[in-house]
Amino acid sequence: MVEGMTNVPTNTRNAGTESGTGHGSVRKHVISFVIMILFTVIAFAMVGAGMSPTVVIPVILALAVIQVILQLWDFMHLNQKGHSVPTLFIASGAFLGLIFVLVLVLWP
């Protein structure tokens, strides 16, 4: 080995991870992406079909919550170790946002 050079792994694609899986499998990301696109198509179809707002609004809100959870879990990698501080900030922001919306709605 030449002096001054370090031992660099030949497989840099998965370097730095203990399990060798990187940030998750491509298959898992594609499945999550397809689910989110499907939820979006369902929401547009419900509105386009002229369904009652009393049905459409709760369903769209439920689909939105599921999409947010999928985004945070799969694409933001909040399920991995070492992400407790970002998770805390996201939860705090969601909590403060909920309080803000409730104050706006319930203020006399």
Protein backbone atom coordinates (compact mmCIF):
# COMPACT_ATOMS: atom_id res chain seq x y z
CA MET A 1 0.00 0.00 0.00
CA VAL A 2 1.27 3.47 -0.82
CA GLU A 3 2.24 5.55 2.19
CA GLY A 4 -0.42 8.08 3.25
CA MET A 5 -3.32 6.24 1.66
CA THR A 6 -6.11 4.88 3.80
CA ASN A 7 -7.96 1.65 3.45
CA VAL A 8 -11.03 2.70 1.45
CA PRO A 9 -13.82 0.13 1.04
CA THR A 10 -14.33 -0.93 -2.55
CA ASN A 11 -18.10 -1.05 -2.13
CA THR A 12 -18.84 2.59 -1.24
CA ARG A 13 -22.52 2.25 -2.04
CA ASN A 14 -23.28 0.70 1.36
CA ALA A 15 -20.22 1.92 3.23
CA GLY A 16 -20.70 3.29 6.69
CA THR A 17 -23.61 1.12 7.71
CA GLU A 18 -23.42 -1.82 10.03
CA SER A 19 -26.00 -3.86 8.21
CA GLY A 20 -24.92 -2.90 4.71
CA THR A 21 -28.44 -1.85 3.75
CA GLY A 22 -27.89 1.92 3.53
CA HIS A 23 -31.00 3.97 4.06
CA GLY A 24 -33.35 1.16 3.15
CA SER A 25 -34.16 -0.88 0.13
CA VAL A 26 -35.21 0.67 -3.12
CA ARG A 27 -38.14 -1.74 -3.19
CA LYS A 28 -39.45 -0.37 0.12
CA HIS A 29 -39.18 3.22 -1.15
CA VAL A 30 -40.93 2.38 -4.42
CA ILE A 31 -43.77 0.61 -2.58
CA SER A 32 -44.24 3.61 -0.27
CA PHE A 33 -44.19 5.97 -3.25
CA VAL A 34 -46.79 3.90 -5.12
CA ILE A 35 -49.03 3.84 -2.02
CA MET A 36 -48.79 7.62 -1.73
CA ILE A 37 -49.63 8.10 -5.42
CA LEU A 38 -52.57 5.72 -5.01
CA PHE A 39 -53.86 7.74 -2.03
CA THR A 40 -53.60 10.93 -4.10
CA VAL A 41 -55.53 9.35 -6.98
CA ILE A 42 -58.22 8.17 -4.54
CA ALA A 43 -58.56 11.69 -3.12
CA PHE A 44 -58.86 13.26 -6.59
CA ALA A 45 -61.35 10.59 -7.70
CA MET A 46 -63.56 11.17 -4.66
CA VAL A 47 -63.66 14.91 -5.28
CA GLY A 48 -64.13 14.45 -9.04
CA ALA A 49 -67.01 12.05 -8.49
CA GLY A 50 -68.89 14.72 -6.56
CA MET A 51 -69.17 12.75 -3.35
CA SER A 52 -70.60 14.39 -0.25
CA PRO A 53 -68.16 16.67 1.62
CA THR A 54 -69.11 14.94 4.87
CA VAL A 55 -67.52 11.77 3.46
CA VAL A 56 -64.73 13.28 1.37
CA ILE A 57 -63.17 15.55 4.01
CA PRO A 58 -62.55 12.89 6.70
CA VAL A 59 -61.25 10.40 4.13
CA ILE A 60 -58.86 12.95 2.61
CA LEU A 61 -57.63 13.95 6.07
CA ALA A 62 -57.05 10.30 6.99
CA LEU A 63 -55.17 9.68 3.73
CA ALA A 64 -53.08 12.82 4.38
CA VAL A 65 -52.12 11.65 7.87
CA ILE A 66 -51.08 8.25 6.50
CA GLN A 67 -49.01 9.95 3.79
CA VAL A 68 -47.24 12.16 6.33
CA ILE A 69 -46.39 9.12 8.45
CA LEU A 70 -45.08 7.25 5.38
CA GLN A 71 -42.99 10.26 4.36
CA LEU A 72 -41.43 10.62 7.80
CA TRP A 73 -40.92 6.90 8.30
CA ASP A 74 -39.56 5.88 4.90
CA PHE A 75 -38.06 8.95 3.25
CA MET A 76 -36.94 10.97 6.29
CA HIS A 77 -35.64 7.78 8.00
CA LEU A 78 -37.06 8.70 11.38
CA ASN A 79 -37.31 5.01 12.25
CA GLN A 80 -33.52 4.72 12.46
CA LYS A 81 -31.35 5.20 15.53
CA GLY A 82 -30.00 8.68 16.15
CA HIS A 83 -33.03 10.55 14.84
CA SER A 84 -34.59 11.34 18.21
CA VAL A 85 -33.82 15.08 18.08
CA PRO A 86 -35.40 15.64 14.63
CA THR A 87 -38.35 13.53 15.75
CA LEU A 88 -38.72 15.71 18.85
CA PHE A 89 -38.66 18.90 16.75
CA ILE A 90 -41.19 17.55 14.26
CA ALA A 91 -43.52 16.44 17.07
CA SER A 92 -43.17 19.80 18.81
CA GLY A 93 -43.95 21.65 15.59
CA ALA A 94 -46.99 19.47 14.94
CA PHE A 95 -48.22 20.02 18.49
CA LEU A 96 -47.78 23.80 18.29
CA GLY A 97 -49.43 23.85 14.86
CA LEU A 98 -52.41 21.93 16.24
CA ILE A 99 -52.72 24.38 19.13
CA PHE A 100 -52.54 27.31 16.70
CA VAL A 101 -55.30 25.86 14.50
CA LEU A 102 -57.50 25.10 17.52
CA VAL A 103 -57.07 28.66 18.83
CA LEU A 104 -58.02 30.09 15.42
CA VAL A 105 -61.08 27.84 15.17
CA LEU A 106 -62.31 28.16 18.75
CA TRP A 107 -61.49 31.84 19.39
CA PRO A 108 -64.76 33.72 20.00
